[in-house]
Amino acid sequence: MFLKSKKDGALIKVLDAEAVINPMKPTISGRIQDGQEEQDPEEFDKANLTFPSDENLPQCWTDPDYQSSL
């Protein structure tokens, strides 16, 4: 799975898809896709990520209290 940084548009390869959909985890582990060599894993704040199509992540993936706002 790939996500995109809102800040610079860099593609990020997600290393733990479970963390992406877990609203209790505000960050995910991933690798920036830059160049031909594999980059070191980093932590990324889910609030600063989108899908590659620039669509925001679903609120139920990012907000632990999303059901109380319905």
PDB file of N, CA and C in Angstrom:
ATOM      1  N   MET A   1       0.851  -1.173   0.000  1.00  0.00           N
ATOM      2  CA  MET A   1       0.000   0.000   0.000  1.00  0.00           C
ATOM      3  C   MET A   1       0.892   1.229   0.000  1.00  0.00           C
ATOM      4  N   PHE A   2       0.468   2.228  -0.763  1.00  0.00           N
ATOM      5  CA  PHE A   2       1.198   3.485  -0.823  1.00  0.00           C
ATOM      6  C   PHE A   2       0.289   4.623  -0.390  1.00  0.00           C
ATOM      7  N   LEU A   3       0.868   5.583   0.328  1.00  0.00           N
ATOM      8  CA  LEU A   3       0.190   6.822   0.678  1.00  0.00           C
ATOM      9  C   LEU A   3       1.077   7.967   0.215  1.00  0.00           C
ATOM     10  N   LYS A   4       0.543   9.174   0.266  1.00  0.00           N
ATOM     11  CA  LYS A   4       1.283  10.333  -0.227  1.00  0.00           C
ATOM     12  C   LYS A   4       1.359  11.396   0.858  1.00  0.00           C
ATOM     13  N   SER A   5       2.518  12.040   0.962  1.00  0.00           N
ATOM     14  CA  SER A   5       2.719  13.123   1.918  1.00  0.00           C
ATOM     15  C   SER A   5       2.010  14.376   1.423  1.00  0.00           C
ATOM     16  N   LYS A   6       1.222  15.015   2.287  1.00  0.00           N
ATOM     17  CA  LYS A   6       0.561  16.274   1.924  1.00  0.00           C
ATOM     18  C   LYS A   6       1.585  17.388   1.772  1.00  0.00           C
ATOM     19  N   LYS A   7       2.669  17.284   2.537  1.00  0.00           N
ATOM     20  CA  LYS A   7       3.664  18.352   2.575  1.00  0.00           C
ATOM     21  C   LYS A   7       4.454  18.470   1.272  1.00  0.00           C
ATOM     22  N   ASP A   8       4.991  17.356   0.786  1.00  0.00           N
ATOM     23  CA  ASP A   8       5.856  17.433  -0.388  1.00  0.00           C
ATOM     24  C   ASP A   8       5.458  16.506  -1.539  1.00  0.00           C
ATOM     25  N   GLY A   9       4.364  15.758  -1.365  1.00  0.00           N
ATOM     26  CA  GLY A   9       3.891  14.883  -2.433  1.00  0.00           C
ATOM     27  C   GLY A   9       4.670  13.595  -2.606  1.00  0.00           C
ATOM     28  N   ALA A  10       5.576  13.295  -1.673  1.00  0.00           N
ATOM     29  CA  ALA A  10       6.381  12.072  -1.760  1.00  0.00           C
ATOM     30  C   ALA A  10       5.506  10.844  -1.531  1.00  0.00           C
ATOM     31  N   LEU A  11       5.751   9.790  -2.303  1.00  0.00           N
ATOM     32  CA  LEU A  11       5.058   8.518  -2.087  1.00  0.00           C
ATOM     33  C   LEU A  11       5.706   7.780  -0.932  1.00  0.00           C
ATOM     34  N   ILE A  12       4.880   7.166  -0.118  1.00  0.00           N
ATOM     35  CA  ILE A  12       5.362   6.437   1.055  1.00  0.00           C
ATOM     36  C   ILE A  12       4.819   5.023   0.998  1.00  0.00           C
ATOM     37  N   LYS A  13       5.735   4.061   1.054  1.00  0.00           N
ATOM     38  CA  LYS A  13       5.346   2.652   1.089  1.00  0.00           C
ATOM     39  C   LYS A  13       5.036   2.294   2.534  1.00  0.00           C
ATOM     40  N   VAL A  14       3.801   1.903   2.790  1.00  0.00           N
ATOM     41  CA  VAL A  14       3.351   1.563   4.145  1.00  0.00           C
ATOM     42  C   VAL A  14       3.905   0.193   4.531  1.00  0.00           C
ATOM     43  N   LEU A  15       4.521   0.117   5.710  1.00  0.00           N
ATOM     44  CA  LEU A  15       5.094  -1.148   6.172  1.00  0.00           C
ATOM     45  C   LEU A  15       4.134  -1.919   7.078  1.00  0.00           C
ATOM     46  N   ASP A  16       3.157  -1.231   7.658  1.00  0.00           N
ATOM     47  CA  ASP A  16       2.201  -1.881   8.550  1.00  0.00           C
ATOM     48  C   ASP A  16       0.795  -1.380   8.215  1.00  0.00           C
ATOM     49  N   ALA A  17       0.104  -2.076   7.327  1.00  0.00           N
ATOM     50  CA  ALA A  17      -1.235  -1.663   6.897  1.00  0.00           C
ATOM     51  C   ALA A  17      -2.216  -1.649   8.061  1.00  0.00           C
ATOM     52  N   GLU A  18      -2.007  -2.491   9.047  1.00  0.00           N
ATOM     53  CA  GLU A  18      -2.882  -2.539  10.225  1.00  0.00           C
ATOM     54  C   GLU A  18      -2.870  -1.189  10.953  1.00  0.00           C
ATOM     55  N   ALA A  19      -1.708  -0.547  11.035  1.00  0.00           N
ATOM     56  CA  ALA A  19      -1.604   0.753  11.714  1.00  0.00           C
ATOM     57  C   ALA A  19      -2.362   1.838  10.962  1.00  0.00           C
ATOM     58  N   VAL A  20      -2.457   1.726   9.644  1.00  0.00           N
ATOM     59  CA  VAL A  20      -3.152   2.737   8.844  1.00  0.00           C
ATOM     60  C   VAL A  20      -4.635   2.774   9.208  1.00  0.00           C
ATOM     61  N   ILE A  21      -5.243   1.630   9.378  1.00  0.00           N
ATOM     62  CA  ILE A  21      -6.681   1.586   9.644  1.00  0.00           C
ATOM     63  C   ILE A  21      -7.030   1.655  11.128  1.00  0.00           C
ATOM     64  N   ASN A  22      -6.040   1.621  11.998  1.00  0.00           N
ATOM     65  CA  ASN A  22      -6.267   1.675  13.436  1.00  0.00           C
ATOM     66  C   ASN A  22      -6.306   3.139  13.889  1.00  0.00           C
ATOM     67  N   PRO A  23      -7.476   3.667  14.281  1.00  0.00           N
ATOM     68  CA  PRO A  23      -7.565   5.070  14.664  1.00  0.00           C
ATOM     69  C   PRO A  23      -6.820   5.404  15.958  1.00  0.00           C
ATOM     70  N   MET A  24      -6.443   4.400  16.721  1.00  0.00           N
ATOM     71  CA  MET A  24      -5.712   4.641  17.972  1.00  0.00           C
ATOM     72  C   MET A  24      -4.216   4.884  17.727  1.00  0.00           C
ATOM     73  N   LYS A  25      -3.766   4.662  16.519  1.00  0.00           N
ATOM     74  CA  LYS A  25      -2.356   4.886  16.178  1.00  0.00           C
ATOM     75  C   LYS A  25      -2.257   6.123  15.287  1.00  0.00           C
ATOM     76  N   PRO A  26      -1.691   7.211  15.801  1.00  0.00           N
ATOM     77  CA  PRO A  26      -1.615   8.450  15.024  1.00  0.00           C
ATOM     78  C   PRO A  26      -0.495   8.458  13.974  1.00  0.00           C
ATOM     79  N   THR A  27       0.390   7.471  14.047  1.00  0.00           N
ATOM     80  CA  THR A  27       1.491   7.412  13.083  1.00  0.00           C
ATOM     81  C   THR A  27       1.544   6.044  12.420  1.00  0.00           C
ATOM     82  N   ILE A  28       2.222   6.009  11.273  1.00  0.00           N
ATOM     83  CA  ILE A  28       2.453   4.736  10.588  1.00  0.00           C
ATOM     84  C   ILE A  28       3.947   4.627  10.273  1.00  0.00           C
ATOM     85  N   SER A  29       4.404   3.416  10.102  1.00  0.00           N
ATOM     86  CA  SER A  29       5.782   3.164   9.706  1.00  0.00           C
ATOM     87  C   SER A  29       5.805   2.977   8.194  1.00  0.00           C
ATOM     88  N   GLY A  30       6.736   3.655   7.539  1.00  0.00           N
ATOM     89  CA  GLY A  30       6.823   3.548   6.089  1.00  0.00           C
ATOM     90  C   GLY A  30       8.183   3.961   5.558  1.00  0.00           C
ATOM     91  N   ARG A  31       8.331   3.806   4.255  1.00  0.00           N
ATOM     92  CA  ARG A  31       9.575   4.183   3.577  1.00  0.00           C
ATOM     93  C   ARG A  31       9.241   5.127   2.430  1.00  0.00           C
ATOM     94  N   ILE A  32       9.933   6.260   2.380  1.00  0.00           N
ATOM     95  CA  ILE A  32       9.759   7.187   1.262  1.00  0.00           C
ATOM     96  C   ILE A  32      10.317   6.516   0.015  1.00  0.00           C
ATOM     97  N   GLN A  33       9.561   6.597  -1.070  1.00  0.00           N
ATOM     98  CA  GLN A  33       9.992   6.021  -2.349  1.00  0.00           C
ATOM     99  C   GLN A  33      10.744   7.096  -3.118  1.00  0.00           C
ATOM    100  N   ASP A  34      12.058   7.105  -2.942  1.00  0.00           N
ATOM    101  CA  ASP A  34      12.898   8.129  -3.556  1.00  0.00           C
ATOM    102  C   ASP A  34      14.174   7.476  -4.064  1.00  0.00           C
ATOM    103  N   GLY A  35      14.369   7.491  -5.349  1.00  0.00           N
ATOM    104  CA  GLY A  35      15.571   6.894  -5.917  1.00  0.00           C
ATOM    105  C   GLY A  35      15.416   5.390  -6.062  1.00  0.00           C
ATOM    106  N   GLN A  36      16.533   4.750  -6.381  1.00  0.00           N
ATOM    107  CA  GLN A  36      16.504   3.317  -6.648  1.00  0.00           C
ATOM    108  C   GLN A  36      16.774   2.470  -5.410  1.00  0.00           C
ATOM    109  N   GLU A  37      17.422   3.069  -4.405  1.00  0.00           N
ATOM    110  CA  GLU A  37      17.744   2.316  -3.198  1.00  0.00           C
ATOM    111  C   GLU A  37      16.608   2.409  -2.192  1.00  0.00           C
ATOM    112  N   GLU A  38      16.418   1.345  -1.433  1.00  0.00           N
ATOM    113  CA  GLU A  38      15.410   1.291  -0.381  1.00  0.00           C
ATOM    114  C   GLU A  38      15.798   2.290   0.713  1.00  0.00           C
ATOM    115  N   GLN A  39      14.878   3.161   1.089  1.00  0.00           N
ATOM    116  CA  GLN A  39      15.131   4.147   2.138  1.00  0.00           C
ATOM    117  C   GLN A  39      14.884   3.526   3.509  1.00  0.00           C
ATOM    118  N   ASP A  40      15.459   4.133   4.533  1.00  0.00           N
ATOM    119  CA  ASP A  40      15.258   3.644   5.903  1.00  0.00           C
ATOM    120  C   ASP A  40      13.813   3.898   6.335  1.00  0.00           C
ATOM    121  N   PRO A  41      13.258   3.011   7.161  1.00  0.00           N
ATOM    122  CA  PRO A  41      11.892   3.221   7.663  1.00  0.00           C
ATOM    123  C   PRO A  41      11.814   4.469   8.537  1.00  0.00           C
ATOM    124  N   GLU A  42      10.685   5.153   8.441  1.00  0.00           N
ATOM    125  CA  GLU A  42      10.426   6.344   9.252  1.00  0.00           C
ATOM    126  C   GLU A  42       9.000   6.266   9.767  1.00  0.00           C
ATOM    127  N   GLU A  43       8.697   7.089  10.768  1.00  0.00           N
ATOM    128  CA  GLU A  43       7.336   7.222  11.275  1.00  0.00           C
ATOM    129  C   GLU A  43       6.719   8.462  10.631  1.00  0.00           C
ATOM    130  N   PHE A  44       5.465   8.318  10.170  1.00  0.00           N
ATOM    131  CA  PHE A  44       4.750   9.409   9.527  1.00  0.00           C
ATOM    132  C   PHE A  44       3.437   9.646  10.246  1.00  0.00           C
ATOM    133  N   ASP A  45       3.105  10.906  10.460  1.00  0.00           N
ATOM    134  CA  ASP A  45       1.848  11.283  11.091  1.00  0.00           C
ATOM    135  C   ASP A  45       0.717  11.096  10.083  1.00  0.00           C
ATOM    136  N   LYS A  46      -0.299  10.328  10.444  1.00  0.00           N
ATOM    137  CA  LYS A  46      -1.403  10.053   9.518  1.00  0.00           C
ATOM    138  C   LYS A  46      -2.137  11.329   9.104  1.00  0.00           C
ATOM    139  N   ALA A  47      -2.117  12.356   9.937  1.00  0.00           N
ATOM    140  CA  ALA A  47      -2.785  13.614   9.609  1.00  0.00           C
ATOM    141  C   ALA A  47      -2.141  14.287   8.396  1.00  0.00           C
ATOM    142  N   ASN A  48      -0.893  13.938   8.104  1.00  0.00           N
ATOM    143  CA  ASN A  48      -0.168  14.548   6.983  1.00  0.00           C
ATOM    144  C   ASN A  48      -0.118  13.646   5.759  1.00  0.00           C
ATOM    145  N   LEU A  49      -0.995  12.631   5.702  1.00  0.00           N
ATOM    146  CA  LEU A  49      -0.975  11.690   4.590  1.00  0.00           C
ATOM    147  C   LEU A  49      -2.313  11.661   3.856  1.00  0.00           C
ATOM    148  N   THR A  50      -2.255  11.351   2.569  1.00  0.00           N
ATOM    149  CA  THR A  50      -3.445  11.155   1.744  1.00  0.00           C
ATOM    150  C   THR A  50      -3.221   9.907   0.899  1.00  0.00           C
ATOM    151  N   PHE A  51      -4.264   9.506   0.189  1.00  0.00           N
ATOM    152  CA  PHE A  51      -4.089   8.474  -0.819  1.00  0.00           C
ATOM    153  C   PHE A  51      -3.340   9.099  -1.999  1.00  0.00           C
ATOM    154  N   PRO A  52      -2.705   8.311  -2.847  1.00  0.00           N
ATOM    155  CA  PRO A  52      -2.003   8.875  -4.011  1.00  0.00           C
ATOM    156  C   PRO A  52      -2.903   9.732  -4.910  1.00  0.00           C
ATOM    157  N   SER A  53      -4.219   9.532  -4.852  1.00  0.00           N
ATOM    158  CA  SER A  53      -5.163  10.319  -5.650  1.00  0.00           C
ATOM    159  C   SER A  53      -5.509  11.656  -4.990  1.00  0.00           C
ATOM    160  N   ASP A  54      -4.841  11.977  -3.885  1.00  0.00           N
ATOM    161  CA  ASP A  54      -5.071  13.188  -3.079  1.00  0.00           C
ATOM    162  C   ASP A  54      -6.366  13.143  -2.268  1.00  0.00           C
ATOM    163  N   GLU A  55      -6.967  11.979  -2.176  1.00  0.00           N
ATOM    164  CA  GLU A  55      -8.149  11.795  -1.342  1.00  0.00           C
ATOM    165  C   GLU A  55      -7.687  11.628   0.107  1.00  0.00           C
ATOM    166  N   ASN A  56      -8.380  12.286   1.036  1.00  0.00           N
ATOM    167  CA  ASN A  56      -8.024  12.166   2.443  1.00  0.00           C
ATOM    168  C   ASN A  56      -8.313  10.763   2.958  1.00  0.00           C
ATOM    169  N   LEU A  57      -7.589  10.380   4.002  1.00  0.00           N
ATOM    170  CA  LEU A  57      -7.862   9.096   4.652  1.00  0.00           C
ATOM    171  C   LEU A  57      -9.221   9.183   5.338  1.00  0.00           C
ATOM    172  N   PRO A  58      -9.957   8.085   5.405  1.00  0.00           N
ATOM    173  CA  PRO A  58     -11.259   8.107   6.082  1.00  0.00           C
ATOM    174  C   PRO A  58     -11.110   8.526   7.544  1.00  0.00           C
ATOM    175  N   GLN A  59     -12.069   9.270   8.029  1.00  0.00           N
ATOM    176  CA  GLN A  59     -12.034   9.746   9.411  1.00  0.00           C
ATOM    177  C   GLN A  59     -11.968   8.592  10.407  1.00  0.00           C
ATOM    178  N   CYS A  60     -12.600   7.467  10.076  1.00  0.00           N
ATOM    179  CA  CYS A  60     -12.594   6.320  10.996  1.00  0.00           C
ATOM    180  C   CYS A  60     -11.199   5.694  11.115  1.00  0.00           C
ATOM    181  N   TRP A  61     -10.274   6.060  10.251  1.00  0.00           N
ATOM    182  CA  TRP A  61      -8.890   5.574  10.336  1.00  0.00           C
ATOM    183  C   TRP A  61      -8.017   6.528  11.147  1.00  0.00           C
ATOM    184  N   THR A  62      -8.457   7.763  11.339  1.00  0.00           N
ATOM    185  CA  THR A  62      -7.598   8.770  11.960  1.00  0.00           C
ATOM    186  C   THR A  62      -8.121   9.346  13.266  1.00  0.00           C
ATOM    187  N   ASP A  63      -9.429   9.243  13.516  1.00  0.00           N
ATOM    188  CA  ASP A  63     -10.042   9.861  14.683  1.00  0.00           C
ATOM    189  C   ASP A  63     -10.660   8.796  15.594  1.00  0.00           C
ATOM    190  N   PRO A  64     -10.064   8.557  16.773  1.00  0.00           N
ATOM    191  CA  PRO A  64     -10.604   7.525  17.667  1.00  0.00           C
ATOM    192  C   PRO A  64     -12.028   7.830  18.146  1.00  0.00           C
ATOM    193  N   ASP A  65     -12.455   9.089  18.103  1.00  0.00           N
ATOM    194  CA  ASP A  65     -13.782   9.485  18.568  1.00  0.00           C
ATOM    195  C   ASP A  65     -14.727   9.807  17.426  1.00  0.00           C
ATOM    196  N   TYR A  66     -14.482   9.264  16.245  1.00  0.00           N
ATOM    197  CA  TYR A  66     -15.284   9.624  15.084  1.00  0.00           C
ATOM    198  C   TYR A  66     -16.765   9.277  15.244  1.00  0.00           C
ATOM    199  N   GLN A  67     -17.094   8.221  15.973  1.00  0.00           N
ATOM    200  CA  GLN A  67     -18.491   7.830  16.124  1.00  0.00           C
ATOM    201  C   GLN A  67     -19.263   8.819  17.010  1.00  0.00           C
ATOM    202  N   SER A  68     -18.582   9.487  17.908  1.00  0.00           N
ATOM    203  CA  SER A  68     -19.273  10.443  18.783  1.00  0.00           C
ATOM    204  C   SER A  68     -19.598  11.730  18.032  1.00  0.00           C
ATOM    205  N   SER A  69     -18.992  11.943  16.871  1.00  0.00           N
ATOM    206  CA  SER A  69     -19.267  13.165  16.101  1.00  0.00           C
ATOM    207  C   SER A  69     -20.342  12.941  15.040  1.00  0.00           C
ATOM    208  N   LEU A  70     -20.920  11.739  14.995  1.00  0.00           N
ATOM    209  CA  LEU A  70     -21.967  11.449  13.994  1.00  0.00           C
ATOM    210  C   LEU A  70     -23.313  11.995  14.400  1.00  0.00           C
TER     211      LEU A  70
END
